[in-house]
């Protein structure tokens, strides 16, 4: 009945979904709870992508996976948060989802 009015992008429910997809349950629960507590008039809001710890596979693993699976569809992009490349922002590729539906 009401238009979307979340202060953050992605919305709190989408943020929690991404957290539970890529983090351990206890880390995802804490991050999602803190995000919901920040979603009020005391905070400005804005863009707040989930941050995950990820160790990317080597080039050989990707080549073997690509040969086994064929063409891969990218749904999420992991963008490095800092120079250490141990933590990444999770960004959803909406073009890949829209192109697969058509």
Protein backbone atom coordinates (compact mmCIF):
# COMPACT_ATOMS: atom_id res chain seq x y z
CA UNK A 1 0.00 0.00 0.00
CA UNK A 2 2.88 2.37 0.75
CA UNK A 3 5.81 3.08 -1.58
CA UNK A 4 9.26 1.78 -0.66
CA UNK A 5 10.77 4.02 2.00
CA UNK A 6 13.92 2.27 3.20
CA UNK A 7 16.73 4.67 4.10
CA UNK A 8 19.41 2.39 2.72
CA UNK A 9 20.29 0.68 -0.54
CA UNK A 10 20.05 -2.27 -0.68
CA UNK A 11 16.99 -2.47 1.54
CA UNK A 12 17.35 -4.03 4.98
CA UNK A 13 15.68 -7.28 3.92
CA UNK A 14 17.87 -7.58 0.81
CA UNK A 15 20.94 -6.78 2.92
CA UNK A 16 20.04 -9.57 5.37
CA UNK A 17 19.44 -12.01 2.52
CA UNK A 18 22.88 -11.28 1.03
CA UNK A 19 24.51 -11.56 4.46
CA UNK A 20 23.03 -15.02 5.04
CA UNK A 21 24.05 -16.13 1.54
CA UNK A 22 27.73 -15.23 1.95
CA UNK A 23 28.54 -15.18 5.68
CA UNK A 24 28.35 -17.59 8.58
CA UNK A 25 24.93 -17.45 10.31
CA UNK A 26 26.20 -15.82 13.50
CA UNK A 27 28.04 -13.08 11.55
CA UNK A 28 25.07 -12.54 9.26
CA UNK A 29 22.66 -12.26 12.20
CA UNK A 30 24.83 -9.66 13.96
CA UNK A 31 25.36 -7.61 10.77
CA UNK A 32 21.66 -7.73 9.86
CA UNK A 33 20.58 -6.75 13.37
CA UNK A 34 22.98 -3.80 13.43
CA UNK A 35 21.72 -2.68 10.04
CA UNK A 36 18.08 -2.79 11.19
CA UNK A 37 18.98 -0.80 14.30
CA UNK A 38 20.64 1.86 12.08
CA UNK A 39 17.53 2.13 9.91
CA UNK A 40 15.86 5.05 11.70
CA UNK A 41 15.64 8.83 11.54
CA UNK A 42 18.88 9.32 13.54
CA UNK A 43 21.01 7.98 10.67
CA UNK A 44 21.26 9.48 7.18
CA UNK A 45 21.04 6.19 5.30
CA UNK A 46 22.55 5.84 1.85
CA UNK A 47 24.38 3.04 0.08
CA UNK A 48 25.53 0.30 2.46
CA UNK A 49 26.62 -2.89 0.73
CA UNK A 50 27.29 -6.03 2.79
CA UNK A 51 30.94 -6.76 3.48
CA UNK A 52 32.12 -10.38 3.35
CA UNK A 53 35.43 -12.15 3.85
CA UNK A 54 36.33 -14.10 0.74
CA UNK A 55 39.41 -15.87 -0.58
CA UNK A 56 39.20 -15.94 -4.38
CA UNK A 57 40.15 -19.17 -6.12
CA UNK A 58 43.27 -19.33 -8.25
CA UNK A 59 43.27 -18.96 -12.03
CA UNK A 60 43.57 -22.72 -12.55
CA UNK A 61 40.43 -23.40 -10.53
CA UNK A 62 38.44 -20.88 -12.57
CA UNK A 63 39.68 -22.31 -15.86
CA UNK A 64 38.74 -25.86 -14.80
CA UNK A 65 35.33 -24.70 -13.60
CA UNK A 66 34.67 -22.83 -16.83
CA UNK A 67 35.67 -25.87 -18.92
CA UNK A 68 33.39 -28.08 -16.85
CA UNK A 69 30.37 -25.77 -16.67
CA UNK A 70 30.62 -23.84 -19.93
CA UNK A 71 29.44 -20.25 -19.83
CA UNK A 72 28.87 -18.93 -16.30
CA UNK A 73 26.18 -16.44 -15.32
CA UNK A 74 27.38 -13.74 -12.91
CA UNK A 75 24.80 -12.75 -10.31
CA UNK A 76 27.01 -11.06 -7.69
CA UNK A 77 30.19 -9.03 -8.02
CA UNK A 78 32.76 -8.95 -5.21
CA UNK A 79 34.46 -5.54 -5.13
CA UNK A 80 37.56 -5.22 -2.88
CA UNK A 81 37.00 -3.04 0.16
CA UNK A 82 40.67 -2.21 0.68
CA UNK A 83 44.16 -3.01 -0.60
CA UNK A 84 44.52 -6.19 1.48
CA UNK A 85 41.77 -7.83 -0.61
CA UNK A 86 40.51 -9.88 2.29
CA UNK A 87 37.13 -8.16 2.58
CA UNK A 88 34.79 -7.48 -0.31
CA UNK A 89 31.57 -5.57 -0.93
CA UNK A 90 28.78 -7.72 -2.40
CA UNK A 91 27.06 -6.00 -5.33
CA UNK A 92 24.22 -7.64 -7.24
CA UNK A 93 24.28 -7.65 -11.04
CA UNK A 94 20.67 -6.89 -11.94
CA UNK A 95 21.42 -6.96 -15.68
CA UNK A 96 22.29 -10.65 -15.50
CA UNK A 97 19.00 -11.40 -13.77
CA UNK A 98 16.94 -9.31 -16.19
CA UNK A 99 18.65 -10.82 -19.25
CA UNK A 100 18.04 -14.39 -18.07
CA UNK A 101 14.29 -13.78 -17.70
CA UNK A 102 13.85 -12.61 -21.30
